[in-house]
Each structure stands twice: as structure tokens, then as C-alpha cells.
N, C-alpha and C. Protein backbone atom coordinates (compact mmCIF):
# COMPACT_ATOMS: atom_id res chain seq x y z
N UNK A 1 61.68 34.32 9.87
CA UNK A 1 60.58 33.34 10.57
C UNK A 1 59.27 33.83 9.92
N UNK A 2 58.83 32.68 9.63
CA UNK A 2 57.42 32.50 8.75
C UNK A 2 56.29 32.72 9.89
N UNK A 3 55.18 33.17 9.49
CA UNK A 3 53.97 33.46 10.15
C UNK A 3 53.58 31.90 10.90
N UNK A 4 53.55 31.05 10.10
CA UNK A 4 53.23 29.54 10.67
C UNK A 4 53.91 29.30 11.86
N UNK A 5 55.07 29.43 11.93
CA UNK A 5 55.90 29.01 12.73
C UNK A 5 55.59 29.88 14.08
N UNK A 6 55.23 31.03 14.03
CA UNK A 6 55.03 31.82 15.12
C UNK A 6 53.34 31.43 15.45
N UNK A 7 52.83 30.63 14.88
CA UNK A 7 51.33 30.35 15.45
C UNK A 7 50.40 31.51 15.16
N UNK A 8 50.91 32.27 14.07
CA UNK A 8 50.16 33.59 13.81
C UNK A 8 48.86 33.41 12.81
N UNK A 9 48.64 34.28 12.17
CA UNK A 9 47.58 34.44 11.05
C UNK A 9 47.33 33.26 10.18
N UNK A 10 48.51 33.08 9.52
CA UNK A 10 48.33 31.93 8.60
C UNK A 10 47.76 30.56 9.01
N UNK A 11 48.29 30.02 10.25
CA UNK A 11 47.75 28.77 11.12
C UNK A 11 46.10 28.91 11.01
N UNK A 12 45.88 30.10 11.57
CA UNK A 12 44.22 30.15 11.81
C UNK A 12 43.66 30.36 10.59
N UNK A 13 44.05 30.97 9.39
CA UNK A 13 43.50 31.06 8.07
C UNK A 13 43.33 29.52 7.60
N UNK A 14 44.45 28.82 7.51
CA UNK A 14 44.41 27.41 7.17
C UNK A 14 43.26 26.52 7.90
N UNK A 15 43.41 26.83 9.05
CA UNK A 15 42.38 26.05 9.81
C UNK A 15 41.08 26.54 9.64
N UNK A 16 40.78 27.57 9.56
CA UNK A 16 39.40 27.87 8.99
C UNK A 16 38.99 27.56 7.82
N UNK A 17 39.76 27.59 6.81
CA UNK A 17 39.55 27.19 5.42
C UNK A 17 39.39 25.76 5.50
N UNK A 18 39.88 24.81 6.19
CA UNK A 18 39.79 23.34 6.22
C UNK A 18 38.08 23.11 6.91
N UNK A 19 37.88 23.83 8.09
CA UNK A 19 36.81 23.73 8.75
C UNK A 19 35.78 24.08 7.88
N UNK A 20 35.80 25.31 7.14
CA UNK A 20 34.63 25.76 6.19
C UNK A 20 34.41 24.77 4.91
N UNK A 21 35.46 24.40 4.68
CA UNK A 21 35.32 23.14 3.35
C UNK A 21 34.58 21.95 3.88
N UNK A 22 35.00 21.63 4.91
CA UNK A 22 34.04 20.39 5.77
C UNK A 22 32.81 20.63 5.62
N UNK A 23 32.51 21.82 6.36
CA UNK A 23 31.07 22.36 6.54
C UNK A 23 30.15 22.50 5.30
N UNK A 24 30.85 22.84 4.14
CA UNK A 24 30.05 23.32 3.13
C UNK A 24 29.97 21.82 2.31
N UNK A 25 30.90 20.96 2.40
CA UNK A 25 30.67 19.57 1.89
C UNK A 25 29.66 18.84 2.53
N UNK A 26 29.54 19.24 3.91
CA UNK A 26 28.56 18.51 4.54
C UNK A 26 27.05 19.00 4.27
N UNK A 27 27.10 20.38 4.10
CA UNK A 27 25.79 20.96 3.78
C UNK A 27 25.25 20.86 2.21
N UNK A 28 26.26 20.36 1.18
CA UNK A 28 26.11 19.87 0.05
C UNK A 28 25.44 18.54 0.18
N UNK A 29 26.04 17.74 0.82
CA UNK A 29 25.71 16.37 0.85
C UNK A 29 24.45 16.13 1.41
N UNK A 30 24.07 17.03 2.36
CA UNK A 30 22.78 16.90 3.05
C UNK A 30 21.61 17.55 2.08
N UNK A 31 22.08 18.62 1.39
CA UNK A 31 20.83 19.07 0.37
C UNK A 31 20.62 18.19 -0.73
N UNK A 32 21.80 17.19 -1.26
CA UNK A 32 21.59 16.40 -2.07
C UNK A 32 20.64 15.21 -1.76
N UNK A 33 20.77 14.76 -0.37
CA UNK A 33 20.13 13.79 0.21
C UNK A 33 18.74 14.17 0.58
N UNK A 34 18.48 15.25 0.95
CA UNK A 34 17.10 15.74 1.16
C UNK A 34 16.16 16.11 -0.06
N UNK A 35 16.72 16.37 -1.05
CA UNK A 35 16.17 16.62 -2.41
C UNK A 35 15.77 15.26 -2.58
N UNK A 36 16.67 14.18 -2.71
CA UNK A 36 16.30 12.84 -3.19
C UNK A 36 15.23 12.31 -2.50
N UNK A 37 15.20 12.53 -1.08
CA UNK A 37 14.31 11.71 -0.39
C UNK A 37 12.77 12.48 -0.46
N UNK A 38 12.77 13.80 -0.72
CA UNK A 38 11.61 14.67 -0.85
C UNK A 38 11.00 14.07 -2.22
N UNK A 39 11.80 13.81 -3.36
CA UNK A 39 11.11 13.57 -4.44
C UNK A 39 10.83 12.00 -4.60
N UNK A 40 11.22 11.15 -3.87
CA UNK A 40 11.08 9.83 -3.83
C UNK A 40 9.78 9.54 -2.93
N UNK A 41 9.55 10.52 -1.83
CA UNK A 41 8.32 10.30 -0.93
C UNK A 41 7.45 11.45 -1.54
N UNK A 42 7.31 11.87 -2.84
CA UNK A 42 6.33 12.53 -3.47
C UNK A 42 4.86 12.52 -3.36
N UNK A 43 4.37 11.20 -3.02
CA UNK A 43 2.97 10.75 -3.19
C UNK A 43 2.17 11.11 -1.69
N UNK A 44 1.31 11.94 -1.86
CA UNK A 44 0.78 11.82 -0.68
C UNK A 44 -0.04 10.68 -0.06
N UNK A 45 -0.36 10.80 1.32
CA UNK A 45 -0.90 9.60 1.87
C UNK A 45 -2.59 9.40 1.45
N UNK A 46 -3.00 10.62 0.84
CA UNK A 46 -4.56 10.40 0.57
C UNK A 46 -4.45 9.92 -0.94
N UNK A 47 -3.29 9.57 -1.80
CA UNK A 47 -3.25 9.49 -3.25
C UNK A 47 -3.03 10.43 -3.98
N UNK A 48 -2.85 11.87 -3.52
CA UNK A 48 -2.39 12.82 -4.06
C UNK A 48 -1.26 12.62 -4.52
N UNK A 49 -0.52 13.57 -5.51
CA UNK A 49 0.68 13.11 -5.90
C UNK A 49 1.49 14.65 -6.06
N UNK A 50 2.90 14.44 -6.06
CA UNK A 50 3.71 15.50 -6.32
C UNK A 50 4.83 14.70 -7.18
N UNK A 51 4.57 14.65 -8.46
CA UNK A 51 5.44 13.98 -9.35
C UNK A 51 4.84 13.23 -10.04
N UNK A 52 5.52 12.17 -10.60
CA UNK A 52 5.00 11.01 -11.79
C UNK A 52 4.44 9.74 -10.82
N UNK A 53 3.42 9.94 -10.26
CA UNK A 53 3.03 8.45 -9.53
C UNK A 53 2.02 8.10 -10.48
N UNK A 54 2.05 6.57 -10.54
CA UNK A 54 0.97 6.28 -11.59
C UNK A 54 -0.29 6.21 -10.77
N UNK A 55 -1.69 6.07 -11.50
CA UNK A 55 -2.79 5.94 -10.98
C UNK A 55 -2.81 4.66 -10.04
N UNK A 56 -2.36 3.49 -10.43
CA UNK A 56 -2.11 2.27 -9.66
C UNK A 56 -1.49 2.50 -8.53
N UNK A 57 -0.39 3.22 -8.37
CA UNK A 57 0.46 3.37 -7.08
C UNK A 57 -0.36 4.31 -6.07
N UNK A 58 -1.25 5.37 -6.66
CA UNK A 58 -2.15 6.28 -5.94
C UNK A 58 -3.18 5.43 -5.48
N UNK A 59 -3.92 4.59 -6.33
CA UNK A 59 -4.86 3.80 -5.62
C UNK A 59 -4.23 2.70 -4.63
N UNK A 60 -3.33 2.03 -4.74
CA UNK A 60 -2.47 1.33 -3.76
C UNK A 60 -2.24 1.90 -2.60
N UNK A 61 -1.90 3.31 -2.44
CA UNK A 61 -1.61 3.95 -1.38
C UNK A 61 -3.06 4.12 -0.60
N UNK A 62 -4.02 4.37 -1.45
CA UNK A 62 -5.33 4.57 -0.81
C UNK A 62 -5.68 3.35 -0.02
N UNK A 63 -5.48 2.35 -0.69
CA UNK A 63 -6.23 1.09 -0.19
C UNK A 63 -5.26 0.58 1.15
N UNK A 64 -4.17 0.81 1.05
CA UNK A 64 -3.20 0.65 2.44
C UNK A 64 -3.68 1.83 3.57
N UNK A 65 -4.17 2.66 3.35
CA UNK A 65 -4.66 4.10 4.37
C UNK A 65 -5.71 3.53 4.59
N UNK A 66 -6.84 2.97 3.72
CA UNK A 66 -7.98 2.46 4.11
C UNK A 66 -8.06 1.22 5.18
N UNK A 67 -7.19 0.48 4.61
CA UNK A 67 -6.88 -0.89 5.77
C UNK A 67 -6.64 -0.25 7.17
N UNK A 68 -5.32 0.76 7.04
CA UNK A 68 -5.00 1.26 8.29
C UNK A 68 -6.42 1.76 9.10
N UNK A 69 -7.19 2.58 8.49
CA UNK A 69 -8.25 3.26 9.12
C UNK A 69 -9.31 2.10 9.58
N UNK A 70 -9.39 0.97 9.00
CA UNK A 70 -10.25 -0.23 9.36
C UNK A 70 -9.58 -0.76 10.49
N UNK A 71 -8.32 -0.80 10.74
CA UNK A 71 -7.81 -1.51 11.92
C UNK A 71 -8.30 -0.55 13.19
N UNK A 72 -7.70 0.67 12.94
CA UNK A 72 -8.30 1.94 13.89
C UNK A 72 -9.50 1.51 14.38
N UNK A 73 -10.63 1.75 13.49
CA UNK A 73 -12.02 1.06 13.60
C UNK A 73 -12.06 -0.07 14.44
N UNK A 74 -11.40 -1.11 14.22
CA UNK A 74 -11.54 -2.31 15.08
C UNK A 74 -10.96 -2.14 16.40
N UNK A 75 -10.23 -1.60 16.75
CA UNK A 75 -9.60 -1.01 18.15
C UNK A 75 -10.62 -0.16 18.76
N UNK A 76 -11.31 0.59 18.03
CA UNK A 76 -12.38 1.59 18.77
C UNK A 76 -13.58 0.63 19.25
N UNK A 77 -14.02 -0.16 18.30
CA UNK A 77 -14.98 -1.08 18.39
C UNK A 77 -14.80 -1.96 19.76
N UNK A 78 -13.33 -2.26 19.89
CA UNK A 78 -13.11 -3.36 20.92
C UNK A 78 -12.98 -2.55 22.37
N UNK A 79 -13.14 -1.12 22.20
CA UNK A 79 -12.85 -0.16 23.45
C UNK A 79 -14.45 0.09 23.67
N UNK A 80 -15.13 -0.17 22.79
CA UNK A 80 -16.65 0.43 22.95
C UNK A 80 -16.82 1.81 22.49
N UNK A 81 -16.07 2.26 21.63
CA UNK A 81 -16.12 3.78 21.22
C UNK A 81 -16.83 3.57 19.84
N UNK A 82 -18.01 3.14 19.68
CA UNK A 82 -18.67 3.01 18.25
C UNK A 82 -18.62 4.45 17.42
N UNK A 83 -18.61 5.51 17.94
CA UNK A 83 -18.65 6.74 17.22
C UNK A 83 -17.42 6.94 16.37
N UNK A 84 -16.37 6.74 17.18
CA UNK A 84 -14.83 6.86 16.39
C UNK A 84 -14.74 5.71 15.37
N UNK A 85 -15.39 4.68 15.84
CA UNK A 85 -15.14 3.45 14.94
C UNK A 85 -15.73 3.67 13.61
N UNK A 86 -17.02 3.99 13.69
CA UNK A 86 -17.90 4.55 12.30
C UNK A 86 -17.30 5.79 11.68
N UNK A 87 -16.76 6.60 12.20
CA UNK A 87 -15.96 7.64 11.73
C UNK A 87 -14.90 7.11 10.85
N UNK A 88 -13.95 6.18 11.38
CA UNK A 88 -12.93 5.72 10.59
C UNK A 88 -13.42 4.87 9.73
N UNK A 89 -14.24 4.29 9.69
CA UNK A 89 -14.77 3.28 8.78
C UNK A 89 -15.55 3.98 7.33
N UNK A 90 -16.10 4.96 7.73
CA UNK A 90 -16.62 6.05 6.86
C UNK A 90 -15.41 6.77 6.09
N UNK A 91 -14.35 7.04 6.79
CA UNK A 91 -13.18 7.62 6.00
C UNK A 91 -12.57 6.43 4.96
N UNK A 92 -12.53 5.18 5.79
CA UNK A 92 -12.10 3.96 4.67
C UNK A 92 -12.84 3.88 3.48
N UNK A 93 -14.13 3.92 3.80
CA UNK A 93 -15.20 3.84 2.41
C UNK A 93 -14.62 4.85 1.39
N UNK A 94 -14.60 6.22 1.85
CA UNK A 94 -14.20 7.32 0.95
C UNK A 94 -12.82 6.86 0.17
N UNK A 95 -11.99 6.22 0.72
CA UNK A 95 -10.72 5.75 0.21
C UNK A 95 -10.83 4.89 -0.50
N UNK A 96 -11.49 3.92 -0.26
CA UNK A 96 -11.84 2.69 -1.15
C UNK A 96 -12.70 3.22 -2.61
N UNK A 97 -13.50 4.22 -2.43
CA UNK A 97 -14.22 4.71 -3.45
C UNK A 97 -13.07 5.37 -4.43
N UNK A 98 -12.33 6.23 -3.84
CA UNK A 98 -11.26 7.13 -4.55
C UNK A 98 -10.38 5.71 -5.24
N UNK A 99 -9.91 4.81 -4.51
CA UNK A 99 -9.01 3.75 -5.03
C UNK A 99 -9.68 3.32 -6.48
N UNK A 100 -10.92 2.82 -5.87
CA UNK A 100 -11.55 2.09 -7.36
C UNK A 100 -11.59 2.93 -8.47
N UNK A 101 -11.77 4.26 -8.23
CA UNK A 101 -11.90 5.13 -9.68
C UNK A 101 -10.36 5.25 -10.25
N UNK A 102 -9.43 5.15 -9.44
CA UNK A 102 -8.03 5.27 -9.74
C UNK A 102 -7.69 4.01 -10.45
N UNK A 103 -8.20 2.91 -10.11
CA UNK A 103 -7.77 1.45 -10.67
C UNK A 103 -8.58 1.44 -11.81
N UNK A 104 -9.92 2.16 -11.96
CA UNK A 104 -10.40 2.07 -13.28
C UNK A 104 -9.64 2.74 -14.38
N UNK A 105 -9.21 3.82 -13.87
CA UNK A 105 -8.39 4.71 -14.95
C UNK A 105 -7.19 3.98 -15.20
N UNK A 106 -6.44 3.18 -14.25
CA UNK A 106 -5.18 2.47 -14.58
C UNK A 106 -5.48 1.36 -15.53
N UNK A 107 -6.54 0.72 -15.22
CA UNK A 107 -7.07 -0.26 -15.99
C UNK A 107 -7.27 0.23 -17.54
N UNK A 108 -7.65 1.23 -17.64
CA UNK A 108 -7.95 2.10 -19.26
C UNK A 108 -6.53 2.03 -19.90
N UNK A 109 -5.66 2.58 -18.91
CA UNK A 109 -4.39 3.01 -19.35
C UNK A 109 -3.56 2.00 -19.80
N UNK A 110 -3.65 0.86 -19.01
CA UNK A 110 -2.86 -0.38 -18.89
C UNK A 110 -4.04 -1.55 -18.65
N UNK A 111 -4.46 -1.99 -19.73
CA UNK A 111 -5.39 -2.87 -19.68
C UNK A 111 -5.00 -4.35 -19.50
N UNK A 112 -5.67 -5.39 -18.82
CA UNK A 112 -5.26 -6.62 -18.61
C UNK A 112 -4.04 -6.76 -17.81
N UNK A 113 -3.95 -6.01 -16.67
CA UNK A 113 -2.95 -6.08 -15.74
C UNK A 113 -3.82 -6.86 -14.55
N UNK A 114 -3.22 -8.33 -14.40
CA UNK A 114 -3.92 -8.64 -13.22
C UNK A 114 -3.61 -8.27 -11.73
N UNK A 115 -2.95 -7.47 -11.59
CA UNK A 115 -2.70 -6.76 -10.22
C UNK A 115 -3.77 -5.63 -10.06
N UNK A 116 -4.06 -4.82 -11.25
CA UNK A 116 -4.87 -3.78 -11.26
C UNK A 116 -6.45 -4.54 -11.27
N UNK A 117 -6.61 -5.70 -11.86
CA UNK A 117 -7.91 -6.22 -11.75
C UNK A 117 -8.12 -6.81 -10.14
N UNK A 118 -7.03 -7.47 -9.59
CA UNK A 118 -7.17 -7.78 -8.28
C UNK A 118 -7.66 -6.54 -7.22
N UNK A 119 -7.02 -5.41 -7.51
CA UNK A 119 -7.26 -4.25 -6.59
C UNK A 119 -8.60 -3.68 -7.31
N UNK A 120 -9.09 -3.82 -8.36
CA UNK A 120 -10.57 -3.51 -8.97
C UNK A 120 -11.61 -4.55 -7.99
N UNK A 121 -11.05 -5.88 -7.68
CA UNK A 121 -12.16 -6.63 -7.13
C UNK A 121 -11.94 -6.28 -5.56
N UNK A 122 -10.89 -6.06 -5.15
CA UNK A 122 -10.71 -5.81 -3.87
C UNK A 122 -11.56 -4.68 -3.34
N UNK A 123 -11.15 -3.52 -3.98
CA UNK A 123 -11.86 -2.28 -3.76
C UNK A 123 -13.57 -2.36 -3.69
N UNK A 124 -13.87 -3.36 -5.06
CA UNK A 124 -15.36 -3.36 -5.15
C UNK A 124 -15.99 -4.29 -4.13
N UNK A 125 -15.26 -5.32 -3.63
CA UNK A 125 -15.67 -6.05 -2.70
C UNK A 125 -15.85 -5.43 -1.21
N UNK A 126 -14.53 -4.49 -0.94
CA UNK A 126 -14.72 -3.68 0.41
C UNK A 126 -16.23 -2.46 0.16
N UNK A 127 -16.45 -2.30 -0.90
CA UNK A 127 -17.54 -1.30 -1.09
C UNK A 127 -18.70 -2.20 -1.00
N UNK A 128 -18.99 -3.40 -0.93
CA UNK A 128 -20.14 -4.42 -1.11
C UNK A 128 -20.43 -4.78 -2.24
N UNK A 129 -19.85 -4.47 -3.40
CA UNK A 129 -20.25 -4.76 -4.71
C UNK A 129 -19.61 -6.15 -5.10
N UNK A 130 -20.24 -7.09 -4.62
CA UNK A 130 -19.66 -8.53 -4.65
C UNK A 130 -19.46 -9.20 -6.04
N UNK A 131 -20.77 -8.79 -6.73
CA UNK A 131 -20.85 -9.46 -8.15
C UNK A 131 -19.77 -8.51 -8.95
N UNK A 132 -19.56 -7.46 -8.94
CA UNK A 132 -18.67 -6.57 -9.57
C UNK A 132 -17.18 -7.08 -9.14
N UNK A 133 -16.93 -7.52 -8.02
CA UNK A 133 -15.61 -7.96 -7.65
C UNK A 133 -15.44 -9.26 -8.08
N UNK A 134 -16.41 -10.10 -7.96
CA UNK A 134 -16.18 -11.33 -8.51
C UNK A 134 -15.73 -11.37 -10.08
N UNK A 135 -16.37 -10.56 -10.91
CA UNK A 135 -16.11 -10.48 -12.24
C UNK A 135 -14.65 -10.01 -12.49
N UNK A 136 -14.18 -9.07 -11.58
CA UNK A 136 -12.70 -8.39 -11.77
C UNK A 136 -11.62 -9.55 -11.25
N UNK A 137 -12.07 -10.30 -10.13
CA UNK A 137 -11.04 -11.50 -10.03
C UNK A 137 -10.83 -12.39 -10.94
N UNK A 138 -12.29 -12.88 -11.47
CA UNK A 138 -12.31 -13.96 -12.60
C UNK A 138 -11.63 -13.42 -13.87
N UNK A 139 -11.55 -12.07 -14.01
CA UNK A 139 -11.03 -11.61 -15.11
C UNK A 139 -9.42 -11.58 -15.02
N UNK A 140 -8.88 -11.36 -13.82
CA UNK A 140 -7.56 -11.39 -13.43
C UNK A 140 -7.14 -12.85 -13.42
N UNK A 141 -7.92 -13.68 -13.04
CA UNK A 141 -7.41 -15.23 -13.07
C UNK A 141 -7.34 -15.88 -14.69
N UNK A 142 -8.07 -15.16 -15.35
CA UNK A 142 -7.94 -15.54 -16.89
C UNK A 142 -6.49 -15.14 -17.46
N UNK A 143 -5.96 -14.25 -16.88
CA UNK A 143 -4.84 -13.77 -17.26
C UNK A 143 -3.48 -14.38 -16.46
N UNK A 144 -3.80 -14.54 -15.24
CA UNK A 144 -2.71 -15.25 -14.46
C UNK A 144 -3.26 -15.99 -13.34
N UNK A 145 -3.84 -17.28 -13.89
CA UNK A 145 -4.70 -18.37 -12.93
C UNK A 145 -3.83 -18.55 -11.56
N UNK A 146 -2.53 -18.64 -11.47
CA UNK A 146 -1.84 -18.95 -10.23
C UNK A 146 -1.71 -17.71 -9.22
N UNK A 147 -2.50 -16.44 -9.61
CA UNK A 147 -2.05 -15.17 -8.76
C UNK A 147 -2.57 -15.48 -7.35
N UNK A 148 -1.53 -15.66 -6.59
CA UNK A 148 -2.17 -16.01 -5.21
C UNK A 148 -3.00 -15.17 -4.46
N UNK A 149 -2.84 -13.80 -4.63
CA UNK A 149 -3.63 -13.02 -3.95
C UNK A 149 -5.04 -12.93 -4.49
N UNK A 150 -5.17 -12.90 -5.81
CA UNK A 150 -6.84 -13.04 -6.58
C UNK A 150 -7.26 -14.35 -5.92
N UNK A 151 -6.45 -15.08 -5.88
CA UNK A 151 -7.17 -16.79 -5.48
C UNK A 151 -7.67 -16.65 -3.95
N UNK A 152 -6.76 -15.98 -3.38
CA UNK A 152 -7.18 -15.92 -1.92
C UNK A 152 -8.42 -14.88 -1.57
N UNK A 153 -8.48 -13.84 -2.27
CA UNK A 153 -9.68 -12.86 -2.10
C UNK A 153 -10.96 -13.27 -2.79
N UNK A 154 -10.77 -14.24 -3.84
CA UNK A 154 -11.89 -14.85 -4.48
C UNK A 154 -12.49 -15.82 -3.44
N UNK A 155 -11.61 -16.60 -2.87
CA UNK A 155 -12.00 -17.39 -1.75
C UNK A 155 -12.73 -16.87 -0.70
N UNK A 156 -12.56 -15.80 -0.21
CA UNK A 156 -12.89 -14.99 0.88
C UNK A 156 -14.27 -14.34 0.25
N UNK A 157 -14.36 -14.01 -1.03
CA UNK A 157 -15.46 -13.50 -1.48
C UNK A 157 -16.65 -14.59 -1.51
N UNK A 158 -16.45 -15.84 -1.95
CA UNK A 158 -16.99 -17.06 -1.95
C UNK A 158 -17.26 -17.13 -0.57
N UNK A 159 -16.71 -17.21 0.66
CA UNK A 159 -17.27 -17.39 1.85
C UNK A 159 -18.12 -16.08 2.24
N UNK A 160 -18.01 -15.32 1.78
CA UNK A 160 -18.90 -14.11 2.28
C UNK A 160 -20.26 -14.06 1.52
N UNK A 161 -20.24 -14.83 0.48
CA UNK A 161 -21.54 -14.97 -0.21
C UNK A 161 -21.96 -16.47 -0.12
N UNK A 162 -21.59 -17.11 1.11
CA UNK A 162 -22.14 -18.36 1.22
C UNK A 162 -21.63 -19.45 0.08
N UNK A 163 -20.76 -19.73 -0.37
CA UNK A 163 -20.47 -20.19 -1.46
C UNK A 163 -18.96 -21.08 -0.97
N UNK A 164 -19.40 -21.94 0.22
CA UNK A 164 -17.84 -22.33 1.01
C UNK A 164 -17.36 -23.39 -0.03
N UNK A 165 -18.16 -23.96 -0.75
CA UNK A 165 -17.58 -25.27 -1.78
C UNK A 165 -16.84 -24.44 -2.81
N UNK A 166 -16.81 -23.13 -3.10
CA UNK A 166 -15.99 -22.48 -4.28
C UNK A 166 -15.05 -21.97 -3.55
N UNK A 167 -14.92 -21.51 -2.33
CA UNK A 167 -13.84 -21.22 -1.85
C UNK A 167 -12.77 -22.36 -1.18
N UNK A 168 -13.31 -23.64 -1.15
CA UNK A 168 -12.48 -24.58 -0.92
C UNK A 168 -11.71 -24.74 -2.27
N UNK A 169 -12.31 -24.73 -3.80
CA UNK A 169 -11.97 -24.95 -4.57
C UNK A 169 -10.62 -23.73 -4.97
N UNK A 170 -10.76 -22.53 -4.41
CA UNK A 170 -9.88 -21.85 -4.48
C UNK A 170 -8.38 -21.89 -3.57
N UNK A 171 -8.91 -22.77 -2.53
CA UNK A 171 -7.95 -23.04 -1.59
C UNK A 171 -7.14 -24.17 -2.07
N UNK A 172 -7.69 -24.95 -2.96
CA UNK A 172 -6.97 -26.03 -3.58
C UNK A 172 -6.01 -25.58 -4.66
N UNK A 173 -6.35 -24.43 -5.28
CA UNK A 173 -5.48 -23.67 -6.22
C UNK A 173 -4.24 -23.52 -5.36
N UNK A 174 -4.33 -22.88 -4.28
CA UNK A 174 -3.12 -22.33 -3.42
C UNK A 174 -2.45 -23.39 -2.58
N UNK A 175 -2.83 -24.68 -2.87
CA UNK A 175 -2.41 -25.58 -2.32
C UNK A 175 -0.76 -25.80 -2.06
N UNK A 176 -0.12 -25.91 -3.26
CA UNK A 176 0.97 -25.91 -3.66
C UNK A 176 1.90 -24.55 -3.83
N UNK A 177 1.48 -23.62 -3.37
CA UNK A 177 2.01 -22.26 -3.28
C UNK A 177 2.99 -22.05 -2.24
N UNK A 178 2.91 -22.68 -1.21
CA UNK A 178 3.77 -22.55 0.03
C UNK A 178 3.75 -20.98 0.31
N UNK A 179 2.50 -20.48 0.71
CA UNK A 179 2.34 -18.97 0.62
C UNK A 179 1.64 -18.53 1.80
N UNK A 180 1.77 -17.34 2.32
CA UNK A 180 0.68 -16.91 3.32
C UNK A 180 -0.72 -16.82 2.93
N UNK A 181 -0.94 -16.87 1.57
CA UNK A 181 -2.42 -16.62 1.06
C UNK A 181 -3.32 -18.05 1.39
N UNK A 182 -2.44 -19.11 1.31
CA UNK A 182 -3.03 -20.34 1.63
C UNK A 182 -3.44 -20.57 2.92
N UNK A 183 -2.36 -20.10 3.98
CA UNK A 183 -2.79 -20.16 5.21
C UNK A 183 -3.88 -19.20 5.76
N UNK A 184 -3.94 -18.21 5.27
CA UNK A 184 -5.06 -17.30 5.59
C UNK A 184 -6.13 -17.77 5.00
N UNK A 185 -6.63 -18.27 3.68
CA UNK A 185 -7.66 -18.74 3.32
C UNK A 185 -8.33 -19.94 4.09
N UNK A 186 -7.20 -20.83 4.38
CA UNK A 186 -7.58 -22.04 5.19
C UNK A 186 -7.87 -21.79 6.43
N UNK A 187 -7.52 -20.67 7.26
CA UNK A 187 -7.92 -20.49 8.62
C UNK A 187 -9.22 -19.68 8.38
N UNK A 188 -9.75 -19.01 7.58
CA UNK A 188 -11.06 -18.45 6.95
C UNK A 188 -11.96 -19.50 7.16
N UNK A 189 -11.53 -20.61 6.14
CA UNK A 189 -12.58 -21.58 5.83
C UNK A 189 -12.81 -22.39 7.19
N UNK A 190 -11.73 -22.56 7.78
CA UNK A 190 -12.06 -23.34 9.05
C UNK A 190 -12.50 -22.64 10.15
N UNK A 191 -12.76 -21.40 9.87
CA UNK A 191 -13.34 -20.47 10.82
C UNK A 191 -12.26 -20.06 12.21
N UNK A 192 -11.02 -20.26 12.03
CA UNK A 192 -9.98 -19.90 12.95
C UNK A 192 -9.81 -18.27 12.92
N UNK A 193 -10.13 -17.84 11.66
CA UNK A 193 -10.24 -16.28 11.60
C UNK A 193 -11.27 -15.84 10.80
N UNK A 194 -11.95 -14.54 11.24
CA UNK A 194 -12.89 -14.20 10.70
C UNK A 194 -12.79 -13.00 9.56
N UNK A 195 -13.45 -13.09 8.40
CA UNK A 195 -13.07 -11.99 7.40
C UNK A 195 -13.56 -10.73 7.66
N UNK A 196 -12.60 -9.92 7.34
CA UNK A 196 -13.15 -8.54 7.86
C UNK A 196 -13.89 -7.73 6.60
N UNK A 197 -14.04 -8.59 5.60
CA UNK A 197 -14.65 -8.29 4.16
C UNK A 197 -16.16 -8.59 4.11
């Protein structure tokens, strides 16, 4: 009579080995997945980095973070909490300043990238440097005249600087794009939306 038939020790050992094998496989898969997730999410929300994240990507993350802070500020203003709103706007400004510096560095490393020029214009505009912003937008459009976002943001800049006729020209360029940028700029020109910039 074998030990297995008696339900003895061999059955328990086999069962233990199967359970441990499954457990170890699960642990190994978990470790592999968590390592990949950690390395893929290496960029810090403030634009810092743990890995090879480009200056453009760091700047982009800072812009997104600054936009988020501006939305929080809007909510605080609506609730009448001016102090918290101004604090969020100050933090957003610092992020735009850092982003601008990163985009400048990115532009030196990889010149003539319309997306970088767009963000240089955007961050300049957010910091109140409208003349500088316009130069970056126009430089981007010389490289890629149909860049939807640059055309929209340049139109917004024209509205902010009381040049509605030029904003309408930018809208005309976007007319055939069938894109959200057209609708947003159109709403701004018609007064349906108010520009935050």
C-alpha cells in the first residue's frame, strides 16, 4: 500500500508544492508588473524625474498641473475664498515659470518643434508676456501652418490684446479642421465663453 492511497504524507506534500508554486508565480508576476508600473510612472507631478523623461514632457506635466491649480482657484473664487484662490494661482504661476524654462531647454535641444513653440507661447501668455507669446506662436505656424492648437491659442491671444479681427482670421484658418479648437475659439469670439488667459 502506498502513502498516497492512505491519504498520508505524500498527498499533503504534493498539495503543498502545488500551492507554493502558484503562490510564487503570483508573487513573481506581481513584482514584474509593479516594477514596470513604477518605471512607467517615473515622472513627478512637479516636473521632477526618476528616469529619462524629456524636458518637453516635464514641461507638459507642469502645464497640466498649473491648469489644475487654476481650476481649483476658479472654484475657490466662486465660493468667495479669495485667499485660497490666490494661493493656487501663485502656485500655478511658479509651475508656468518652471515649464517655460524647460520648454526653452527643449527648444535648444530640438529646435523647430511646433509643439514646443506652442508651449513656449502658451506659458509666456499665461505669465502675461503677450509679445513674446505671439513670437513663439508665429514661429510655430511658420513650421506648421495648420497646427490647430497654435491657431486657437494665437486667436485667444489676439482677443486678449483687443485684436478681434486677427482672432477671426485664426478662426477662419481652423474652419475646415472639424476640431474642438475651432469651436472653442468661435465661442470665445462670440462671447459665449470667457478666456482664462
